[in-house]
C-alpha cells in the first residue's frame, strides 16, 4: 500500500526547517553556557551543497544510466536540493542534502512505504517504493527522490536504489 505523499512532504519540510533553525540562546537558565549542539561548519557546508549536487554528481552518463535518457532540465530547488529531469519521458531525480541526527533518520522510516535496508551505503540507508533512497553518514543526510518516467531503459527497484546509494556514498566521501 502506498501511503499518501503529503505527510511525507510535510515531515521533510518540518525537518528542513528544524535543521536550519538556531536556538535562541546558548545559555541555560542558571547562566552557564550550554554545550554546543549545533551542526559543525563542515556539515553546514554539506547541506548547503545540495543546490550544486546535481551538476557535480548527476553527470550526463550517470543520468542516462539511471533514467535511460538525457536530461533536458536542471533546476536548483533550494540551497539543499536540486533536480534533473527529462520532460518527454517524465523521468526525474531530486537530491536533498541535510543535517539529520541518527534518531531522526530512524524515525523517518515510519513515513516510508515498505522501507527496506540498503546495505553498504553510509552508516545506514533505506529504500522504499515511494521511490526514495535516504542515507545517513554521521549527521549528514542524503535523499534521492526518483521518478522512472516512461523510458523502458530507465533503472527501477533495487538496481536504481543501488546506483543512487553509490552516489550518496560519493557525496559523503567528498564531504570529509
Protein backbone atom coordinates (compact mmCIF):
# COMPACT_ATOMS: atom_id res chain seq x y z
CA UNK A 1 0.00 0.00 0.00
CA UNK A 2 1.41 3.38 -0.94
CA UNK A 3 0.95 5.97 1.77
CA UNK A 4 -0.02 9.49 0.75
CA UNK A 5 2.99 11.66 -0.04
CA UNK A 6 1.54 14.79 1.60
CA UNK A 7 2.51 13.68 5.15
CA UNK A 8 5.97 12.75 3.83
CA UNK A 9 6.40 16.18 2.27
CA UNK A 10 5.16 17.87 5.45
CA UNK A 11 7.66 15.90 7.52
CA UNK A 12 10.51 16.72 5.12
CA UNK A 13 9.61 20.42 5.25
CA UNK A 14 9.44 20.35 9.05
CA UNK A 15 12.77 18.50 9.22
CA UNK A 16 14.41 21.05 6.92
CA UNK A 17 13.01 23.93 8.96
CA UNK A 18 14.24 22.40 12.22
CA UNK A 19 17.64 21.59 10.74
CA UNK A 20 18.04 25.19 9.61
CA UNK A 21 16.78 26.84 12.82
CA UNK A 22 19.14 28.09 15.50
CA UNK A 23 18.45 28.02 19.23
CA UNK A 24 17.55 31.46 20.58
CA UNK A 25 20.16 31.42 23.35
CA UNK A 26 23.16 29.25 24.14
CA UNK A 27 22.91 29.81 27.90
CA UNK A 28 20.99 27.67 30.34
CA UNK A 29 18.59 29.11 32.92
CA UNK A 30 21.37 29.01 35.52
CA UNK A 31 23.54 31.31 33.44
CA UNK A 32 26.16 28.77 32.41
CA UNK A 33 26.95 28.29 28.78
CA UNK A 34 25.36 25.11 27.41
CA UNK A 35 27.39 22.69 25.35
CA UNK A 36 27.13 23.50 21.69
CA UNK A 37 24.77 21.12 19.91
CA UNK A 38 24.83 22.90 16.61
CA UNK A 39 25.87 21.42 13.31
CA UNK A 40 29.62 21.67 12.66
CA UNK A 41 30.62 24.08 9.91
CA UNK A 42 31.60 21.22 7.61
CA UNK A 43 28.10 19.75 7.93
CA UNK A 44 26.51 23.15 7.26
CA UNK A 45 28.61 23.34 4.09
CA UNK A 46 27.49 19.80 3.28
CA UNK A 47 23.78 20.59 3.38
CA UNK A 48 24.25 23.87 1.54
CA UNK A 49 25.94 21.90 -1.24
CA UNK A 50 22.66 20.32 -2.29
CA UNK A 51 21.99 23.00 -4.90
CA UNK A 52 25.19 22.10 -6.77
CA UNK A 53 24.99 18.33 -6.19
CA UNK A 54 23.12 17.62 -9.45
CA UNK A 55 25.80 19.28 -11.58
CA UNK A 56 28.58 17.55 -9.67
CA UNK A 57 27.20 14.02 -9.26
CA UNK A 58 24.47 13.63 -11.88
CA UNK A 59 26.62 13.87 -14.97
CA UNK A 60 25.19 13.10 -18.41
CA UNK A 61 26.46 9.48 -18.28
CA UNK A 62 25.11 8.87 -14.77
CA UNK A 63 21.69 10.29 -15.59
CA UNK A 64 21.49 8.32 -18.83
CA UNK A 65 22.28 5.15 -16.87
CA UNK A 66 19.55 5.85 -14.28
CA UNK A 67 16.79 7.48 -16.36
CA UNK A 68 17.65 5.82 -19.67
CA UNK A 69 17.61 9.20 -21.39
CA UNK A 70 19.33 12.57 -21.48
CA UNK A 71 18.50 15.44 -19.15
CA UNK A 72 16.74 18.40 -20.69
CA UNK A 73 16.26 20.38 -17.48
CA UNK A 74 18.38 21.06 -14.38
CA UNK A 75 16.90 23.06 -11.52
CA UNK A 76 18.10 24.35 -8.18
CA UNK A 77 15.22 23.87 -5.75
CA UNK A 78 16.90 25.33 -2.64
CA UNK A 79 20.34 25.59 -1.04
CA UNK A 80 19.83 21.96 -0.01
CA UNK A 81 18.36 20.43 -3.15
CA UNK A 82 18.35 20.19 -6.93
CA UNK A 83 16.57 18.25 -9.65
CA UNK A 84 17.35 16.88 -13.09
CA UNK A 85 14.60 15.71 -15.42
CA UNK A 86 13.57 14.75 -18.91
CA UNK A 87 10.24 16.32 -19.79
CA UNK A 88 9.49 13.93 -22.67
CA UNK A 89 9.81 10.77 -20.55
CA UNK A 90 8.73 12.27 -17.23
CA UNK A 91 11.81 10.84 -15.52
CA UNK A 92 13.45 12.89 -12.77
CA UNK A 93 15.92 12.72 -9.90
CA UNK A 94 15.97 15.05 -6.91
CA UNK A 95 18.88 15.22 -4.46
CA UNK A 96 18.43 16.76 -1.00
CA UNK A 97 21.35 17.08 1.41
CA UNK A 98 20.61 17.84 5.05
CA UNK A 99 21.83 17.72 8.63
CA UNK A 100 19.98 14.97 10.50
CA UNK A 101 20.52 13.04 13.70
CA UNK A 102 20.55 9.25 13.66
CA UNK A 103 17.40 9.26 15.84
CA UNK A 104 15.51 11.48 13.41
CA UNK A 105 16.73 9.40 10.48
CA UNK A 106 15.45 6.17 12.00
CA UNK A 107 12.12 7.78 12.99
CA UNK A 108 11.67 8.80 9.35
CA UNK A 109 11.34 5.14 8.32
CA UNK A 110 7.80 5.15 9.74
CA UNK A 111 6.79 7.55 6.95
CA UNK A 112 8.20 5.49 4.08
CA UNK A 113 6.16 2.98 2.11
CA UNK A 114 7.64 -0.50 2.59
CA UNK A 115 11.14 0.62 3.67
CA UNK A 116 13.97 -1.83 3.06
CA UNK A 117 17.59 -1.58 4.27
CA UNK A 118 20.12 -0.55 1.63
CA UNK A 119 23.37 -2.21 2.77
CA UNK A 120 26.76 -0.64 2.13
CA UNK A 121 25.51 2.94 1.99
CA UNK A 122 26.65 5.43 4.65
CA UNK A 123 26.12 4.40 8.27
CA UNK A 124 22.52 3.44 7.47
CA UNK A 125 20.31 3.66 4.40
CA UNK A 126 16.79 2.80 3.32
CA UNK A 127 14.97 2.46 0.06
CA UNK A 128 11.22 2.38 -0.45
CA UNK A 129 8.64 2.04 -3.17
CA UNK A 130 7.91 5.77 -2.83
CA UNK A 131 10.56 5.71 -4.72
CA UNK A 132 13.05 7.10 -2.28
CA UNK A 133 16.60 6.41 -1.18
CA UNK A 134 17.58 8.04 2.09
CA UNK A 135 21.00 7.60 3.69
CA UNK A 136 22.80 8.74 6.82
CA UNK A 137 26.52 9.20 7.49
CA UNK A 138 27.29 10.65 10.91
CA UNK A 139 24.88 13.64 10.99
CA UNK A 140 24.66 14.10 7.22
CA UNK A 141 21.62 13.01 5.25
CA UNK A 142 21.44 12.25 1.52
CA UNK A 143 17.99 11.80 0.00
CA UNK A 144 17.01 10.90 -3.55
CA UNK A 145 13.50 11.05 -4.92
CA UNK A 146 13.29 9.33 -8.28
CA UNK A 147 10.69 9.05 -10.99
CA UNK A 148 11.42 6.48 -13.68
CA UNK A 149 9.15 8.11 -16.21
CA UNK A 150 8.09 6.27 -19.35
CA UNK A 151 11.51 5.22 -20.65
CA UNK A 152 11.79 1.42 -20.67
CA UNK A 153 15.59 1.66 -20.36
CA UNK A 154 15.38 3.51 -17.01
CA UNK A 155 16.57 1.67 -13.92
CA UNK A 156 14.00 0.76 -11.31
CA UNK A 157 13.72 -1.03 -7.99
CA UNK A 158 16.86 -2.46 -6.40
CA UNK A 159 19.09 -1.62 -9.39
CA UNK A 160 18.16 2.08 -9.19
CA UNK A 161 18.46 2.11 -5.38
CA UNK A 162 21.97 0.61 -5.61
CA UNK A 163 23.18 3.29 -8.03
CA UNK A 164 21.59 6.12 -6.01
CA UNK A 165 23.15 4.69 -2.83
CA UNK A 166 26.56 4.69 -4.52
CA UNK A 167 26.08 8.36 -5.37
CA UNK A 168 25.25 9.09 -1.71
CA UNK A 169 28.49 7.32 -0.73
CA UNK A 170 30.43 9.58 -3.14
CA UNK A 171 28.71 12.65 -1.67
CA UNK A 172 29.57 11.53 1.89
CA UNK A 173 33.20 10.81 0.93
CA UNK A 174 33.58 14.24 -0.65
CA UNK A 175 32.19 15.90 2.50
CA UNK A 176 35.13 14.65 4.58
